[in-house]
Amino acid sequence: MTQAGPGSVHVHISVPRQQLQLCEGDALVCSYAISTALHGVGELNGSGCTPRGLHRVRAKVGAGCDAATVFVGRRPTGERYSPGLAAQHPGRDWILCRILWLAGCEPGFNRGGAVDTLRRYIYLHGCPDGTPLGVPASHGCVRMANADVMDLFERVAVGTPVRIEG
């Protein structure tokens, strides 16, 4: 997979700006505030960093789920996020409503071995209302407001290129 061609839908994530842009060809379709890793950028498994480079959407998870749906291991738990549930599980990294699971496209950089984005379970995913966006705070994934990730989910397909720049 190389650069997106004219008219093709692709995603650009800027870690310094904490912004995700959805583009079609050279045209900006929409942009969203995000939160990438608290520990910065990096590709190594276990680093807690957001991986850079060219990726693709490997899978879309959560179609039709409510915005409060809680996921663990890419499966709905049957729980609905609420402040009460959050109080019962302090420190839990909440993955809500939709998941766009990424796979790296650059062998040796973000694909394969100890740098494999897919095996690191790096997602674009929803998070609780009130979670700070626009600042790095995640465990490696890209957090988005639930309404934003639900919108993006409908606009992209499996295979959509995603470039993460740090």
C-alpha atoms as a PDB file:
ATOM      1  CA  MET A   1       0.000   0.000   0.000  1.00  0.00           C
ATOM      2  CA  THR A   2       1.384   3.404  -0.949  1.00  0.00           C
ATOM      3  CA  GLN A   3       0.043   6.933  -0.932  1.00  0.00           C
ATOM      4  CA  ALA A   4      -3.675   7.486  -1.383  1.00  0.00           C
ATOM      5  CA  GLY A   5      -4.668   8.205  -4.964  1.00  0.00           C
ATOM      6  CA  PRO A   6      -6.836  11.059  -6.231  1.00  0.00           C
ATOM      7  CA  GLY A   7     -10.387  10.759  -4.931  1.00  0.00           C
ATOM      8  CA  SER A   8      -9.485   8.034  -2.444  1.00  0.00           C
ATOM      9  CA  VAL A   9     -10.547   8.285   1.188  1.00  0.00           C
ATOM     10  CA  HIS A  10      -7.716   8.286   3.725  1.00  0.00           C
ATOM     11  CA  VAL A  11      -7.040   9.307   7.306  1.00  0.00           C
ATOM     12  CA  HIS A  12      -4.200  11.506   8.537  1.00  0.00           C
ATOM     13  CA  ILE A  13      -3.392  11.651  12.250  1.00  0.00           C
ATOM     14  CA  SER A  14      -1.139  14.396  13.579  1.00  0.00           C
ATOM     15  CA  VAL A  15       0.246  13.546  17.005  1.00  0.00           C
ATOM     16  CA  PRO A  16       1.696  17.064  17.563  1.00  0.00           C
ATOM     17  CA  ARG A  17      -1.683  18.677  16.772  1.00  0.00           C
ATOM     18  CA  GLN A  18      -3.732  15.879  18.407  1.00  0.00           C
ATOM     19  CA  GLN A  19      -5.973  15.919  15.365  1.00  0.00           C
ATOM     20  CA  LEU A  20      -7.397  13.335  12.982  1.00  0.00           C
ATOM     21  CA  GLN A  21      -8.305  14.436   9.474  1.00  0.00           C
ATOM     22  CA  LEU A  22     -10.453  12.478   7.046  1.00  0.00           C
ATOM     23  CA  CYS A  23      -9.595  13.363   3.461  1.00  0.00           C
ATOM     24  CA  GLU A  24     -10.776  12.429   0.006  1.00  0.00           C
ATOM     25  CA  GLY A  25      -7.886  12.927  -2.373  1.00  0.00           C
ATOM     26  CA  ASP A  26      -6.459  16.327  -1.426  1.00  0.00           C
ATOM     27  CA  ALA A  27      -9.749  17.621   0.032  1.00  0.00           C
ATOM     28  CA  LEU A  28     -10.376  17.751   3.779  1.00  0.00           C
ATOM     29  CA  VAL A  29     -13.736  16.127   4.550  1.00  0.00           C
ATOM     30  CA  CYS A  30     -13.728  16.587   8.344  1.00  0.00           C
ATOM     31  CA  SER A  31     -11.416  16.712  11.344  1.00  0.00           C
ATOM     32  CA  TYR A  32     -11.678  15.571  14.941  1.00  0.00           C
ATOM     33  CA  ALA A  33      -9.842  16.213  18.211  1.00  0.00           C
ATOM     34  CA  ILE A  34      -8.102  13.073  19.494  1.00  0.00           C
ATOM     35  CA  SER A  35      -5.868  11.841  22.283  1.00  0.00           C
ATOM     36  CA  THR A  36      -2.808   9.731  21.473  1.00  0.00           C
ATOM     37  CA  ALA A  37      -0.388   8.047  23.890  1.00  0.00           C
ATOM     38  CA  LEU A  38       0.750   9.714  27.077  1.00  0.00           C
ATOM     39  CA  HIS A  39       4.198   8.194  26.411  1.00  0.00           C
ATOM     40  CA  GLY A  40       4.503   9.735  22.930  1.00  0.00           C
ATOM     41  CA  VAL A  41       5.214   7.935  19.681  1.00  0.00           C
ATOM     42  CA  GLY A  42       6.973   4.640  19.180  1.00  0.00           C
ATOM     43  CA  GLU A  43       6.460   1.285  17.587  1.00  0.00           C
ATOM     44  CA  LEU A  44       7.834  -1.199  20.127  1.00  0.00           C
ATOM     45  CA  ASN A  45       5.450  -3.675  21.724  1.00  0.00           C
ATOM     46  CA  GLY A  46       4.862  -2.833  25.383  1.00  0.00           C
ATOM     47  CA  SER A  47       5.999   0.781  24.989  1.00  0.00           C
ATOM     48  CA  GLY A  48       2.580   2.350  25.596  1.00  0.00           C
ATOM     49  CA  CYS A  49       3.317   4.603  22.612  1.00  0.00           C
ATOM     50  CA  THR A  50       1.293   5.425  19.514  1.00  0.00           C
ATOM     51  CA  PRO A  51       2.883   3.853  16.416  1.00  0.00           C
ATOM     52  CA  ARG A  52       3.814   6.056  13.460  1.00  0.00           C
ATOM     53  CA  GLY A  53       3.757   5.462   9.743  1.00  0.00           C
ATOM     54  CA  LEU A  54       1.318   4.056   7.241  1.00  0.00           C
ATOM     55  CA  HIS A  55      -1.418   1.759   8.525  1.00  0.00           C
ATOM     56  CA  ARG A  56      -4.743   0.505   7.247  1.00  0.00           C
ATOM     57  CA  VAL A  57      -8.064  -0.200   8.909  1.00  0.00           C
ATOM     58  CA  ARG A  58      -7.906  -3.955   9.430  1.00  0.00           C
ATOM     59  CA  ALA A  59     -11.324  -4.375  11.063  1.00  0.00           C
ATOM     60  CA  LYS A  60     -14.371  -2.384  12.119  1.00  0.00           C
ATOM     61  CA  VAL A  61     -15.984  -3.480  15.372  1.00  0.00           C
ATOM     62  CA  GLY A  62     -19.191  -2.286  17.012  1.00  0.00           C
ATOM     63  CA  ALA A  63     -21.565  -1.518  14.143  1.00  0.00           C
ATOM     64  CA  GLY A  64     -25.004  -0.866  15.592  1.00  0.00           C
ATOM     65  CA  CYS A  65     -23.824  -0.765  19.206  1.00  0.00           C
ATOM     66  CA  ASP A  66     -25.005   1.958  21.562  1.00  0.00           C
ATOM     67  CA  ALA A  67     -22.536   4.773  22.354  1.00  0.00           C
ATOM     68  CA  ALA A  68     -22.239   3.513  25.952  1.00  0.00           C
ATOM     69  CA  THR A  69     -21.235  -0.032  24.913  1.00  0.00           C
ATOM     70  CA  VAL A  70     -18.079  -1.184  26.726  1.00  0.00           C
ATOM     71  CA  PHE A  71     -15.577  -3.372  24.853  1.00  0.00           C
ATOM     72  CA  VAL A  72     -12.843  -5.655  26.161  1.00  0.00           C
ATOM     73  CA  GLY A  73     -10.820  -7.681  23.690  1.00  0.00           C
ATOM     74  CA  ARG A  74     -12.915  -6.190  20.846  1.00  0.00           C
ATOM     75  CA  ARG A  75     -16.068  -7.763  22.260  1.00  0.00           C
ATOM     76  CA  PRO A  76     -18.985  -6.037  23.977  1.00  0.00           C
ATOM     77  CA  THR A  77     -18.946  -6.901  27.681  1.00  0.00           C
ATOM     78  CA  GLY A  78     -22.671  -6.357  28.170  1.00  0.00           C
ATOM     79  CA  GLU A  79     -21.868  -3.330  30.342  1.00  0.00           C
ATOM     80  CA  ARG A  80     -23.051   0.197  29.603  1.00  0.00           C
ATOM     81  CA  TYR A  81     -20.609   2.928  30.572  1.00  0.00           C
ATOM     82  CA  SER A  82     -21.825   5.208  33.349  1.00  0.00           C
ATOM     83  CA  PRO A  83     -20.183   7.285  36.081  1.00  0.00           C
ATOM     84  CA  GLY A  84     -21.252   4.574  38.554  1.00  0.00           C
ATOM     85  CA  LEU A  85     -19.529   1.841  36.529  1.00  0.00           C
ATOM     86  CA  ALA A  86     -16.437   4.038  36.244  1.00  0.00           C
ATOM     87  CA  ALA A  87     -16.393   4.463  40.044  1.00  0.00           C
ATOM     88  CA  GLN A  88     -16.446   0.660  40.423  1.00  0.00           C
ATOM     89  CA  HIS A  89     -13.429   0.319  38.099  1.00  0.00           C
ATOM     90  CA  PRO A  90     -11.019   3.188  38.762  1.00  0.00           C
ATOM     91  CA  GLY A  91      -8.109   3.326  36.331  1.00  0.00           C
ATOM     92  CA  ARG A  92      -9.802   1.147  33.695  1.00  0.00           C
ATOM     93  CA  ASP A  93      -8.907   2.128  30.118  1.00  0.00           C
ATOM     94  CA  TRP A  94     -12.404   2.498  28.649  1.00  0.00           C
ATOM     95  CA  ILE A  95     -12.960   1.433  25.048  1.00  0.00           C
ATOM     96  CA  LEU A  96     -16.458   2.466  24.023  1.00  0.00           C
ATOM     97  CA  CYS A  97     -18.955   2.311  21.121  1.00  0.00           C
ATOM     98  CA  ARG A  98     -16.741   1.653  18.043  1.00  0.00           C
ATOM     99  CA  ILE A  99     -13.305   0.260  17.235  1.00  0.00           C
ATOM    100  CA  LEU A 100     -11.252   0.746  14.080  1.00  0.00           C
ATOM    101  CA  TRP A 101      -8.420  -1.776  14.502  1.00  0.00           C
ATOM    102  CA  LEU A 102      -5.210  -0.778  12.715  1.00  0.00           C
ATOM    103  CA  ALA A 103      -2.592  -2.910  10.959  1.00  0.00           C
ATOM    104  CA  GLY A 104       0.840  -1.556  10.057  1.00  0.00           C
ATOM    105  CA  CYS A 105       1.883  -1.502   6.408  1.00  0.00           C
ATOM    106  CA  GLU A 106       5.654  -0.984   6.771  1.00  0.00           C
ATOM    107  CA  PRO A 107       7.581  -4.231   7.397  1.00  0.00           C
ATOM    108  CA  GLY A 108      10.186  -3.817  10.133  1.00  0.00           C
ATOM    109  CA  PHE A 109       8.802  -0.423  11.180  1.00  0.00           C
ATOM    110  CA  ASN A 110       5.159  -1.006  12.212  1.00  0.00           C
ATOM    111  CA  ARG A 111       4.539  -4.487  10.815  1.00  0.00           C
ATOM    112  CA  GLY A 112       6.012  -7.766  12.039  1.00  0.00           C
ATOM    113  CA  GLY A 113       8.125  -8.772  14.995  1.00  0.00           C
ATOM    114  CA  ALA A 114       8.224  -6.549  18.072  1.00  0.00           C
ATOM    115  CA  VAL A 115       6.784  -3.547  16.195  1.00  0.00           C
ATOM    116  CA  ASP A 116       3.550  -5.018  14.845  1.00  0.00           C
ATOM    117  CA  THR A 117       0.679  -2.541  15.221  1.00  0.00           C
ATOM    118  CA  LEU A 118      -1.965  -5.233  14.722  1.00  0.00           C
ATOM    119  CA  ARG A 119      -0.529  -7.467  17.461  1.00  0.00           C
ATOM    120  CA  ARG A 120      -0.237  -4.425  19.727  1.00  0.00           C
ATOM    121  CA  TYR A 121      -4.031  -3.991  19.406  1.00  0.00           C
ATOM    122  CA  ILE A 122      -3.840  -0.343  18.366  1.00  0.00           C
ATOM    123  CA  TYR A 123      -7.298   1.111  17.733  1.00  0.00           C
ATOM    124  CA  LEU A 124      -9.149   4.283  16.992  1.00  0.00           C
ATOM    125  CA  HIS A 125     -11.921   4.051  19.599  1.00  0.00           C
ATOM    126  CA  GLY A 126     -14.522   5.909  21.617  1.00  0.00           C
ATOM    127  CA  CYS A 127     -14.018   7.037  25.202  1.00  0.00           C
ATOM    128  CA  PRO A 128     -16.159   8.401  28.044  1.00  0.00           C
ATOM    129  CA  ASP A 129     -17.615  11.893  27.752  1.00  0.00           C
ATOM    130  CA  GLY A 130     -15.354  14.299  29.598  1.00  0.00           C
ATOM    131  CA  THR A 131     -12.166  12.402  28.701  1.00  0.00           C
ATOM    132  CA  PRO A 132      -9.632  15.064  27.745  1.00  0.00           C
ATOM    133  CA  LEU A 133      -9.060  15.249  23.997  1.00  0.00           C
ATOM    134  CA  GLY A 134      -6.424  17.412  22.334  1.00  0.00           C
ATOM    135  CA  VAL A 135      -3.758  16.183  24.777  1.00  0.00           C
ATOM    136  CA  PRO A 136      -1.774  12.927  24.862  1.00  0.00           C
ATOM    137  CA  ALA A 137      -3.246  10.640  27.529  1.00  0.00           C
ATOM    138  CA  SER A 138      -3.971   7.167  26.073  1.00  0.00           C
ATOM    139  CA  HIS A 139      -2.160   3.855  26.548  1.00  0.00           C
ATOM    140  CA  GLY A 140      -1.153   3.803  22.843  1.00  0.00           C
ATOM    141  CA  CYS A 141      -4.457   3.867  20.991  1.00  0.00           C
ATOM    142  CA  VAL A 142      -6.131   6.925  19.491  1.00  0.00           C
ATOM    143  CA  ARG A 143      -9.072   8.044  21.613  1.00  0.00           C
ATOM    144  CA  MET A 144     -11.958   9.944  20.075  1.00  0.00           C
ATOM    145  CA  ALA A 145     -15.251  11.374  21.300  1.00  0.00           C
ATOM    146  CA  ASN A 146     -17.985   8.765  20.852  1.00  0.00           C
ATOM    147  CA  ALA A 147     -19.964  10.870  18.367  1.00  0.00           C
ATOM    148  CA  ASP A 148     -16.790  11.464  16.338  1.00  0.00           C
ATOM    149  CA  VAL A 149     -15.684   7.825  16.155  1.00  0.00           C
ATOM    150  CA  MET A 150     -19.239   6.795  15.252  1.00  0.00           C
ATOM    151  CA  ASP A 151     -19.187   9.340  12.411  1.00  0.00           C
ATOM    152  CA  LEU A 152     -15.742   8.241  11.215  1.00  0.00           C
ATOM    153  CA  PHE A 153     -16.783   4.568  11.434  1.00  0.00           C
ATOM    154  CA  GLU A 154     -19.532   5.204   8.883  1.00  0.00           C
ATOM    155  CA  ARG A 155     -17.205   7.106   6.527  1.00  0.00           C
ATOM    156  CA  VAL A 156     -14.332   4.608   6.234  1.00  0.00           C
ATOM    157  CA  ALA A 157     -14.061   1.040   4.988  1.00  0.00           C
ATOM    158  CA  VAL A 158     -11.837  -1.864   5.939  1.00  0.00           C
ATOM    159  CA  GLY A 159      -8.575  -1.199   4.081  1.00  0.00           C
ATOM    160  CA  THR A 160      -8.722   2.600   4.396  1.00  0.00           C
ATOM    161  CA  PRO A 161      -5.154   4.000   4.693  1.00  0.00           C
ATOM    162  CA  VAL A 162      -4.295   5.707   7.988  1.00  0.00           C
ATOM    163  CA  ARG A 163      -1.056   7.711   8.287  1.00  0.00           C
ATOM    164  CA  ILE A 164       0.136   8.588  11.782  1.00  0.00           C
ATOM    165  CA  GLU A 165       2.744  11.339  11.939  1.00  0.00           C
ATOM    166  CA  GLY A 166       4.594  12.218  15.128  1.00  0.00           C
END
